[in-house]
Amino acid sequence: MYRVVTYPEASDQIDELPPHLLGDYARALDVLAAAPWDGPPHNANNPDAEVRRWLFGPLGVGQVLYLVLEREREVHVLRVVWLELPDD
């Protein structure tokens, strides 16, 4: 397991997450703590990069940008963003 560290800027973004995405975000953190390398690299041209991303929520509307520090067995959450879809 990896320890998840959330940066202050990401904490502010998480505080603004719509309530319906909170459960999906929590499940994403569970995955990151167990298998952070399963997320694709942030830069597709650098597939071995430590900066990675994970989509969450319906249709992948949310994204966690994170850094894997293998030696420390830590995942650092750098940014959390999401799209607001229009109501049908």
PDB file of N, CA and C in Angstrom:
ATOM      1  N   MET A   1       0.837  -1.187   0.000  1.00  0.00           N
ATOM      2  CA  MET A   1       0.000   0.000   0.000  1.00  0.00           C
ATOM      3  C   MET A   1       0.879   1.246   0.000  1.00  0.00           C
ATOM      4  N   TYR A   2       0.349   2.273  -0.614  1.00  0.00           N
ATOM      5  CA  TYR A   2       1.019   3.569  -0.679  1.00  0.00           C
ATOM      6  C   TYR A   2       0.289   4.543   0.236  1.00  0.00           C
ATOM      7  N   ARG A   3       1.037   5.433   0.831  1.00  0.00           N
ATOM      8  CA  ARG A   3       0.429   6.503   1.630  1.00  0.00           C
ATOM      9  C   ARG A   3       0.036   7.610   0.668  1.00  0.00           C
ATOM     10  N   VAL A   4      -1.190   8.119   0.817  1.00  0.00           N
ATOM     11  CA  VAL A   4      -1.675   9.200  -0.042  1.00  0.00           C
ATOM     12  C   VAL A   4      -1.497  10.529   0.685  1.00  0.00           C
ATOM     13  N   VAL A   5      -0.799  11.455   0.027  1.00  0.00           N
ATOM     14  CA  VAL A   5      -0.547  12.799   0.554  1.00  0.00           C
ATOM     15  C   VAL A   5      -1.265  13.770  -0.377  1.00  0.00           C
ATOM     16  N   THR A   6      -2.101  14.613   0.182  1.00  0.00           N
ATOM     17  CA  THR A   6      -2.850  15.580  -0.631  1.00  0.00           C
ATOM     18  C   THR A   6      -2.280  16.970  -0.423  1.00  0.00           C
ATOM     19  N   TYR A   7      -1.889  17.609  -1.525  1.00  0.00           N
ATOM     20  CA  TYR A   7      -1.346  18.961  -1.460  1.00  0.00           C
ATOM     21  C   TYR A   7      -2.459  19.958  -1.118  1.00  0.00           C
ATOM     22  N   PRO A   8      -2.106  21.083  -0.478  1.00  0.00           N
ATOM     23  CA  PRO A   8      -3.121  22.072  -0.077  1.00  0.00           C
ATOM     24  C   PRO A   8      -3.991  22.553  -1.244  1.00  0.00           C
ATOM     25  N   GLU A   9      -3.390  22.773  -2.404  1.00  0.00           N
ATOM     26  CA  GLU A   9      -4.176  23.233  -3.553  1.00  0.00           C
ATOM     27  C   GLU A   9      -5.208  22.187  -3.954  1.00  0.00           C
ATOM     28  N   ALA A  10      -4.810  20.927  -3.912  1.00  0.00           N
ATOM     29  CA  ALA A  10      -5.743  19.846  -4.237  1.00  0.00           C
ATOM     30  C   ALA A  10      -6.827  19.735  -3.170  1.00  0.00           C
ATOM     31  N   SER A  11      -6.467  19.958  -1.916  1.00  0.00           N
ATOM     32  CA  SER A  11      -7.480  19.932  -0.844  1.00  0.00           C
ATOM     33  C   SER A  11      -8.555  20.983  -1.084  1.00  0.00           C
ATOM     34  N   ASP A  12      -8.126  22.158  -1.518  1.00  0.00           N
ATOM     35  CA  ASP A  12      -9.098  23.215  -1.829  1.00  0.00           C
ATOM     36  C   ASP A  12     -10.014  22.779  -2.970  1.00  0.00           C
ATOM     37  N   GLN A  13      -9.452  22.112  -3.963  1.00  0.00           N
ATOM     38  CA  GLN A  13     -10.256  21.645  -5.095  1.00  0.00           C
ATOM     39  C   GLN A  13     -11.220  20.545  -4.649  1.00  0.00           C
ATOM     40  N   ILE A  14     -10.771  19.652  -3.791  1.00  0.00           N
ATOM     41  CA  ILE A  14     -11.622  18.578  -3.277  1.00  0.00           C
ATOM     42  C   ILE A  14     -12.781  19.161  -2.481  1.00  0.00           C
ATOM     43  N   ASP A  15     -12.516  20.226  -1.717  1.00  0.00           N
ATOM     44  CA  ASP A  15     -13.578  20.883  -0.949  1.00  0.00           C
ATOM     45  C   ASP A  15     -14.695  21.408  -1.853  1.00  0.00           C
ATOM     46  N   GLU A  16     -14.363  21.680  -3.106  1.00  0.00           N
ATOM     47  CA  GLU A  16     -15.346  22.223  -4.047  1.00  0.00           C
ATOM     48  C   GLU A  16     -16.002  21.145  -4.921  1.00  0.00           C
ATOM     49  N   LEU A  17     -15.600  19.897  -4.743  1.00  0.00           N
ATOM     50  CA  LEU A  17     -16.204  18.826  -5.543  1.00  0.00           C
ATOM     51  C   LEU A  17     -17.710  18.774  -5.323  1.00  0.00           C
ATOM     52  N   PRO A  18     -18.482  18.568  -6.377  1.00  0.00           N
ATOM     53  CA  PRO A  18     -19.922  18.378  -6.201  1.00  0.00           C
ATOM     54  C   PRO A  18     -20.174  17.149  -5.319  1.00  0.00           C
ATOM     55  N   PRO A  19     -21.171  17.218  -4.465  1.00  0.00           N
ATOM     56  CA  PRO A  19     -21.431  16.099  -3.537  1.00  0.00           C
ATOM     57  C   PRO A  19     -21.594  14.747  -4.225  1.00  0.00           C
ATOM     58  N   HIS A  20     -22.165  14.729  -5.420  1.00  0.00           N
ATOM     59  CA  HIS A  20     -22.390  13.439  -6.084  1.00  0.00           C
ATOM     60  C   HIS A  20     -21.089  12.786  -6.563  1.00  0.00           C
ATOM     61  N   LEU A  21     -19.968  13.505  -6.540  1.00  0.00           N
ATOM     62  CA  LEU A  21     -18.681  12.930  -6.959  1.00  0.00           C
ATOM     63  C   LEU A  21     -17.804  12.494  -5.780  1.00  0.00           C
ATOM     64  N   LEU A  22     -18.208  12.809  -4.568  1.00  0.00           N
ATOM     65  CA  LEU A  22     -17.362  12.508  -3.414  1.00  0.00           C
ATOM     66  C   LEU A  22     -17.107  11.014  -3.237  1.00  0.00           C
ATOM     67  N   GLY A  23     -18.122  10.191  -3.399  1.00  0.00           N
ATOM     68  CA  GLY A  23     -17.949   8.742  -3.269  1.00  0.00           C
ATOM     69  C   GLY A  23     -17.022   8.197  -4.340  1.00  0.00           C
ATOM     70  N   ASP A  24     -17.177   8.693  -5.574  1.00  0.00           N
ATOM     71  CA  ASP A  24     -16.304   8.257  -6.666  1.00  0.00           C
ATOM     72  C   ASP A  24     -14.864   8.679  -6.410  1.00  0.00           C
ATOM     73  N   TYR A  25     -14.668   9.871  -5.867  1.00  0.00           N
ATOM     74  CA  TYR A  25     -13.320  10.330  -5.542  1.00  0.00           C
ATOM     75  C   TYR A  25     -12.702   9.440  -4.453  1.00  0.00           C
ATOM     76  N   ALA A  26     -13.480   9.106  -3.445  1.00  0.00           N
ATOM     77  CA  ALA A  26     -12.975   8.240  -2.374  1.00  0.00           C
ATOM     78  C   ALA A  26     -12.562   6.878  -2.923  1.00  0.00           C
ATOM     79  N   ARG A  27     -13.344   6.333  -3.848  1.00  0.00           N
ATOM     80  CA  ARG A  27     -12.985   5.057  -4.460  1.00  0.00           C
ATOM     81  C   ARG A  27     -11.706   5.191  -5.300  1.00  0.00           C
ATOM     82  N   ALA A  28     -11.535   6.326  -5.953  1.00  0.00           N
ATOM     83  CA  ALA A  28     -10.310   6.563  -6.722  1.00  0.00           C
ATOM     84  C   ALA A  28      -9.095   6.566  -5.794  1.00  0.00           C
ATOM     85  N   LEU A  29      -9.223   7.173  -4.634  1.00  0.00           N
ATOM     86  CA  LEU A  29      -8.111   7.184  -3.678  1.00  0.00           C
ATOM     87  C   LEU A  29      -7.759   5.776  -3.226  1.00  0.00           C
ATOM     88  N   ASP A  30      -8.775   4.923  -3.056  1.00  0.00           N
ATOM     89  CA  ASP A  30      -8.507   3.536  -2.681  1.00  0.00           C
ATOM     90  C   ASP A  30      -7.655   2.851  -3.741  1.00  0.00           C
ATOM     91  N   VAL A  31      -7.981   3.093  -5.004  1.00  0.00           N
ATOM     92  CA  VAL A  31      -7.212   2.502  -6.106  1.00  0.00           C
ATOM     93  C   VAL A  31      -5.786   3.054  -6.113  1.00  0.00           C
ATOM     94  N   LEU A  32      -5.653   4.367  -5.948  1.00  0.00           N
ATOM     95  CA  LEU A  32      -4.325   4.977  -5.969  1.00  0.00           C
ATOM     96  C   LEU A  32      -3.448   4.455  -4.839  1.00  0.00           C
ATOM     97  N   ALA A  33      -4.051   4.215  -3.678  1.00  0.00           N
ATOM     98  CA  ALA A  33      -3.281   3.699  -2.546  1.00  0.00           C
ATOM     99  C   ALA A  33      -2.815   2.268  -2.795  1.00  0.00           C
ATOM    100  N   ALA A  34      -3.578   1.518  -3.585  1.00  0.00           N
ATOM    101  CA  ALA A  34      -3.244   0.118  -3.834  1.00  0.00           C
ATOM    102  C   ALA A  34      -2.388  -0.073  -5.090  1.00  0.00           C
ATOM    103  N   ALA A  35      -2.695   0.667  -6.154  1.00  0.00           N
ATOM    104  CA  ALA A  35      -2.031   0.417  -7.445  1.00  0.00           C
ATOM    105  C   ALA A  35      -1.882   1.704  -8.250  1.00  0.00           C
ATOM    106  N   PRO A  36      -1.067   2.650  -7.782  1.00  0.00           N
ATOM    107  CA  PRO A  36      -0.984   3.948  -8.463  1.00  0.00           C
ATOM    108  C   PRO A  36      -0.425   3.878  -9.878  1.00  0.00           C
ATOM    109  N   TRP A  37       0.372   2.875 -10.170  1.00  0.00           N
ATOM    110  CA  TRP A  37       0.960   2.778 -11.506  1.00  0.00           C
ATOM    111  C   TRP A  37      -0.062   2.344 -12.552  1.00  0.00           C
ATOM    112  N   ASP A  38      -1.257   1.948 -12.132  1.00  0.00           N
ATOM    113  CA  ASP A  38      -2.303   1.564 -13.083  1.00  0.00           C
ATOM    114  C   ASP A  38      -2.870   2.767 -13.837  1.00  0.00           C
ATOM    115  N   GLY A  39      -2.698   3.963 -13.303  1.00  0.00           N
ATOM    116  CA  GLY A  39      -3.153   5.163 -13.999  1.00  0.00           C
ATOM    117  C   GLY A  39      -2.237   5.491 -15.159  1.00  0.00           C
ATOM    118  N   PRO A  40      -2.788   6.029 -16.245  1.00  0.00           N
ATOM    119  CA  PRO A  40      -1.939   6.387 -17.385  1.00  0.00           C
ATOM    120  C   PRO A  40      -1.058   7.591 -17.051  1.00  0.00           C
ATOM    121  N   PRO A  41       0.063   7.721 -17.753  1.00  0.00           N
ATOM    122  CA  PRO A  41       0.930   8.886 -17.510  1.00  0.00           C
ATOM    123  C   PRO A  41       0.232  10.168 -17.940  1.00  0.00           C
ATOM    124  N   HIS A  42       0.529  11.248 -17.261  1.00  0.00           N
ATOM    125  CA  HIS A  42      -0.025  12.550 -17.622  1.00  0.00           C
ATOM    126  C   HIS A  42       0.445  12.957 -19.010  1.00  0.00           C
ATOM    127  N   ASN A  43       1.671  12.631 -19.333  1.00  0.00           N
ATOM    128  CA  ASN A  43       2.247  12.909 -20.647  1.00  0.00           C
ATOM    129  C   ASN A  43       2.399  11.582 -21.377  1.00  0.00           C
ATOM    130  N   ALA A  44       1.591  11.364 -22.394  1.00  0.00           N
ATOM    131  CA  ALA A  44       1.618  10.101 -23.124  1.00  0.00           C
ATOM    132  C   ALA A  44       2.967   9.840 -23.795  1.00  0.00           C
ATOM    133  N   ASN A  45       3.739  10.882 -24.028  1.00  0.00           N
ATOM    134  CA  ASN A  45       5.061  10.715 -24.642  1.00  0.00           C
ATOM    135  C   ASN A  45       6.111  10.215 -23.656  1.00  0.00           C
ATOM    136  N   ASN A  46       5.745  10.142 -22.387  1.00  0.00           N
ATOM    137  CA  ASN A  46       6.664   9.664 -21.358  1.00  0.00           C
ATOM    138  C   ASN A  46       5.936   8.599 -20.525  1.00  0.00           C
ATOM    139  N   PRO A  47       5.814   7.382 -21.052  1.00  0.00           N
ATOM    140  CA  PRO A  47       4.980   6.367 -20.408  1.00  0.00           C
ATOM    141  C   PRO A  47       5.484   5.904 -19.042  1.00  0.00           C
ATOM    142  N   ASP A  48       6.736   6.139 -18.719  1.00  0.00           N
ATOM    143  CA  ASP A  48       7.275   5.728 -17.423  1.00  0.00           C
ATOM    144  C   ASP A  48       7.291   6.855 -16.398  1.00  0.00           C
ATOM    145  N   ALA A  49       6.675   7.964 -16.722  1.00  0.00           N
ATOM    146  CA  ALA A  49       6.706   9.141 -15.849  1.00  0.00           C
ATOM    147  C   ALA A  49       6.015   8.868 -14.511  1.00  0.00           C
ATOM    148  N   GLU A  50       6.479   9.567 -13.504  1.00  0.00           N
ATOM    149  CA  GLU A  50       5.904   9.441 -12.167  1.00  0.00           C
ATOM    150  C   GLU A  50       4.616  10.244 -12.008  1.00  0.00           C
ATOM    151  N   VAL A  51       4.399  11.238 -12.876  1.00  0.00           N
ATOM    152  CA  VAL A  51       3.161  12.030 -12.814  1.00  0.00           C
ATOM    153  C   VAL A  51       2.123  11.302 -13.651  1.00  0.00           C
ATOM    154  N   ARG A  52       1.001  10.952 -13.003  1.00  0.00           N
ATOM    155  CA  ARG A  52      -0.009  10.124 -13.631  1.00  0.00           C
ATOM    156  C   ARG A  52      -1.389  10.727 -13.370  1.00  0.00           C
ATOM    157  N   ARG A  53      -2.400  10.134 -13.972  1.00  0.00           N
ATOM    158  CA  ARG A  53      -3.765  10.647 -13.793  1.00  0.00           C
ATOM    159  C   ARG A  53      -4.729   9.485 -13.640  1.00  0.00           C
ATOM    160  N   TRP A  54      -5.829   9.786 -12.978  1.00  0.00           N
ATOM    161  CA  TRP A  54      -6.871   8.784 -12.777  1.00  0.00           C
ATOM    162  C   TRP A  54      -8.224   9.466 -12.961  1.00  0.00           C
ATOM    163  N   LEU A  55      -9.060   8.877 -13.807  1.00  0.00           N
ATOM    164  CA  LEU A  55     -10.398   9.404 -14.020  1.00  0.00           C
ATOM    165  C   LEU A  55     -11.359   8.787 -13.020  1.00  0.00           C
ATOM    166  N   PHE A  56     -12.356   9.570 -12.623  1.00  0.00           N
ATOM    167  CA  PHE A  56     -13.373   9.055 -11.702  1.00  0.00           C
ATOM    168  C   PHE A  56     -14.707   9.699 -12.032  1.00  0.00           C
ATOM    169  N   GLY A  57     -15.761   9.136 -11.460  1.00  0.00           N
ATOM    170  CA  GLY A  57     -17.100   9.672 -11.667  1.00  0.00           C
ATOM    171  C   GLY A  57     -17.738   9.144 -12.946  1.00  0.00           C
ATOM    172  N   PRO A  58     -19.026   9.477 -13.116  1.00  0.00           N
ATOM    173  CA  PRO A  58     -19.718   9.020 -14.314  1.00  0.00           C
ATOM    174  C   PRO A  58     -19.068   9.610 -15.560  1.00  0.00           C
ATOM    175  N   LEU A  59     -18.833   8.770 -16.529  1.00  0.00           N
ATOM    176  CA  LEU A  59     -18.207   9.162 -17.795  1.00  0.00           C
ATOM    177  C   LEU A  59     -16.796   9.727 -17.604  1.00  0.00           C
ATOM    178  N   GLY A  60     -16.181   9.487 -16.455  1.00  0.00           N
ATOM    179  CA  GLY A  60     -14.828   9.987 -16.208  1.00  0.00           C
ATOM    180  C   GLY A  60     -14.756  11.498 -16.140  1.00  0.00           C
ATOM    181  N   VAL A  61     -15.781  12.138 -15.558  1.00  0.00           N
ATOM    182  CA  VAL A  61     -15.817  13.604 -15.521  1.00  0.00           C
ATOM    183  C   VAL A  61     -14.805  14.200 -14.549  1.00  0.00           C
ATOM    184  N   GLY A  62     -14.316  13.396 -13.616  1.00  0.00           N
ATOM    185  CA  GLY A  62     -13.313  13.885 -12.672  1.00  0.00           C
ATOM    186  C   GLY A  62     -11.948  13.306 -12.980  1.00  0.00           C
ATOM    187  N   GLN A  63     -10.907  14.045 -12.629  1.00  0.00           N
ATOM    188  CA  GLN A  63      -9.552  13.573 -12.857  1.00  0.00           C
ATOM    189  C   GLN A  63      -8.661  13.952 -11.679  1.00  0.00           C
ATOM    190  N   VAL A  64      -7.889  12.991 -11.228  1.00  0.00           N
ATOM    191  CA  VAL A  64      -6.881  13.222 -10.198  1.00  0.00           C
ATOM    192  C   VAL A  64      -5.524  13.211 -10.898  1.00  0.00           C
ATOM    193  N   LEU A  65      -4.754  14.254 -10.705  1.00  0.00           N
ATOM    194  CA  LEU A  65      -3.385  14.319 -11.193  1.00  0.00           C
ATOM    195  C   LEU A  65      -2.493  14.061  -9.979  1.00  0.00           C
ATOM    196  N   TYR A  66      -1.598  13.078 -10.097  1.00  0.00           N
ATOM    197  CA  TYR A  66      -0.825  12.690  -8.924  1.00  0.00           C
ATOM    198  C   TYR A  66       0.598  12.292  -9.296  1.00  0.00           C
ATOM    199  N   LEU A  67       1.450  12.291  -8.305  1.00  0.00           N
ATOM    200  CA  LEU A  67       2.861  11.958  -8.435  1.00  0.00           C
ATOM    201  C   LEU A  67       3.127  10.707  -7.606  1.00  0.00           C
ATOM    202  N   VAL A  68       3.774   9.711  -8.195  1.00  0.00           N
ATOM    203  CA  VAL A  68       4.128   8.488  -7.479  1.00  0.00           C
ATOM    204  C   VAL A  68       5.586   8.585  -7.048  1.00  0.00           C
ATOM    205  N   LEU A  69       5.806   8.511  -5.761  1.00  0.00           N
ATOM    206  CA  LEU A  69       7.165   8.464  -5.204  1.00  0.00           C
ATOM    207  C   LEU A  69       7.394   7.032  -4.727  1.00  0.00           C
ATOM    208  N   GLU A  70       7.972   6.244  -5.600  1.00  0.00           N
ATOM    209  CA  GLU A  70       8.107   4.802  -5.345  1.00  0.00           C
ATOM    210  C   GLU A  70       8.960   4.506  -4.120  1.00  0.00           C
ATOM    211  N   ARG A  71      10.089   5.163  -4.012  1.00  0.00           N
ATOM    212  CA  ARG A  71      10.996   4.887  -2.885  1.00  0.00           C
ATOM    213  C   ARG A  71      10.295   5.118  -1.546  1.00  0.00           C
ATOM    214  N   GLU A  72       9.495   6.170  -1.478  1.00  0.00           N
ATOM    215  CA  GLU A  72       8.792   6.499  -0.232  1.00  0.00           C
ATOM    216  C   GLU A  72       7.467   5.762  -0.102  1.00  0.00           C
ATOM    217  N   ARG A  73       7.042   5.081  -1.182  1.00  0.00           N
ATOM    218  CA  ARG A  73       5.731   4.402  -1.232  1.00  0.00           C
ATOM    219  C   ARG A  73       4.617   5.412  -0.928  1.00  0.00           C
ATOM    220  N   GLU A  74       4.695   6.549  -1.633  1.00  0.00           N
ATOM    221  CA  GLU A  74       3.711   7.618  -1.466  1.00  0.00           C
ATOM    222  C   GLU A  74       3.121   8.014  -2.810  1.00  0.00           C
ATOM    223  N   VAL A  75       1.883   8.450  -2.745  1.00  0.00           N
ATOM    224  CA  VAL A  75       1.175   9.055  -3.871  1.00  0.00           C
ATOM    225  C   VAL A  75       0.827  10.472  -3.441  1.00  0.00           C
ATOM    226  N   HIS A  76       1.266  11.458  -4.203  1.00  0.00           N
ATOM    227  CA  HIS A  76       0.989  12.857  -3.878  1.00  0.00           C
ATOM    228  C   HIS A  76      -0.075  13.378  -4.836  1.00  0.00           C
ATOM    229  N   VAL A  77      -1.229  13.720  -4.286  1.00  0.00           N
ATOM    230  CA  VAL A  77      -2.325  14.275  -5.088  1.00  0.00           C
ATOM    231  C   VAL A  77      -2.003  15.743  -5.343  1.00  0.00           C
ATOM    232  N   LEU A  78      -1.811  16.067  -6.622  1.00  0.00           N
ATOM    233  CA  LEU A  78      -1.408  17.415  -7.016  1.00  0.00           C
ATOM    234  C   LEU A  78      -2.596  18.296  -7.380  1.00  0.00           C
ATOM    235  N   ARG A  79      -3.580  17.692  -8.050  1.00  0.00           N
ATOM    236  CA  ARG A  79      -4.712  18.474  -8.559  1.00  0.00           C
ATOM    237  C   ARG A  79      -5.913  17.564  -8.742  1.00  0.00           C
ATOM    238  N   VAL A  80      -7.097  18.108  -8.500  1.00  0.00           N
ATOM    239  CA  VAL A  80      -8.355  17.393  -8.732  1.00  0.00           C
ATOM    240  C   VAL A  80      -9.255  18.328  -9.529  1.00  0.00           C
ATOM    241  N   VAL A  81      -9.650  17.876 -10.704  1.00  0.00           N
ATOM    242  CA  VAL A  81     -10.516  18.690 -11.572  1.00  0.00           C
ATOM    243  C   VAL A  81     -11.701  17.851 -12.042  1.00  0.00           C
ATOM    244  N   TRP A  82     -12.730  18.523 -12.493  1.00  0.00           N
ATOM    245  CA  TRP A  82     -13.916  17.830 -12.987  1.00  0.00           C
ATOM    246  C   TRP A  82     -14.656  18.725 -13.967  1.00  0.00           C
ATOM    247  N   LEU A  83     -15.450  18.082 -14.783  1.00  0.00           N
ATOM    248  CA  LEU A  83     -16.323  18.792 -15.719  1.00  0.00           C
ATOM    249  C   LEU A  83     -17.724  18.816 -15.139  1.00  0.00           C
ATOM    250  N   GLU A  84     -18.398  19.886 -15.334  1.00  0.00           N
ATOM    251  CA  GLU A  84     -19.799  19.949 -14.940  1.00  0.00           C
ATOM    252  C   GLU A  84     -20.634  19.705 -16.170  1.00  0.00           C
ATOM    253  N   LEU A  85     -21.346  18.583 -16.168  1.00  0.00           N
ATOM    254  CA  LEU A  85     -22.187  18.236 -17.301  1.00  0.00           C
ATOM    255  C   LEU A  85     -23.545  18.902 -17.156  1.00  0.00           C
ATOM    256  N   PRO A  86     -24.135  19.348 -18.259  1.00  0.00           N
ATOM    257  CA  PRO A  86     -25.458  19.954 -18.164  1.00  0.00           C
ATOM    258  C   PRO A  86     -26.505  18.916 -17.779  1.00  0.00           C
ATOM    259  N   ASP A  87     -27.500  19.350 -17.043  1.00  0.00           N
ATOM    260  CA  ASP A  87     -28.611  18.460 -16.691  1.00  0.00           C
ATOM    261  C   ASP A  87     -29.429  18.189 -17.935  1.00  0.00           C
ATOM    262  N   ASP A  88     -29.882  16.946 -18.063  1.00  0.00           N
ATOM    263  CA  ASP A  88     -30.729  16.610 -19.221  1.00  0.00           C
ATOM    264  C   ASP A  88     -32.178  16.967 -18.955  1.00  0.00           C
TER     265      ASP A  88
END
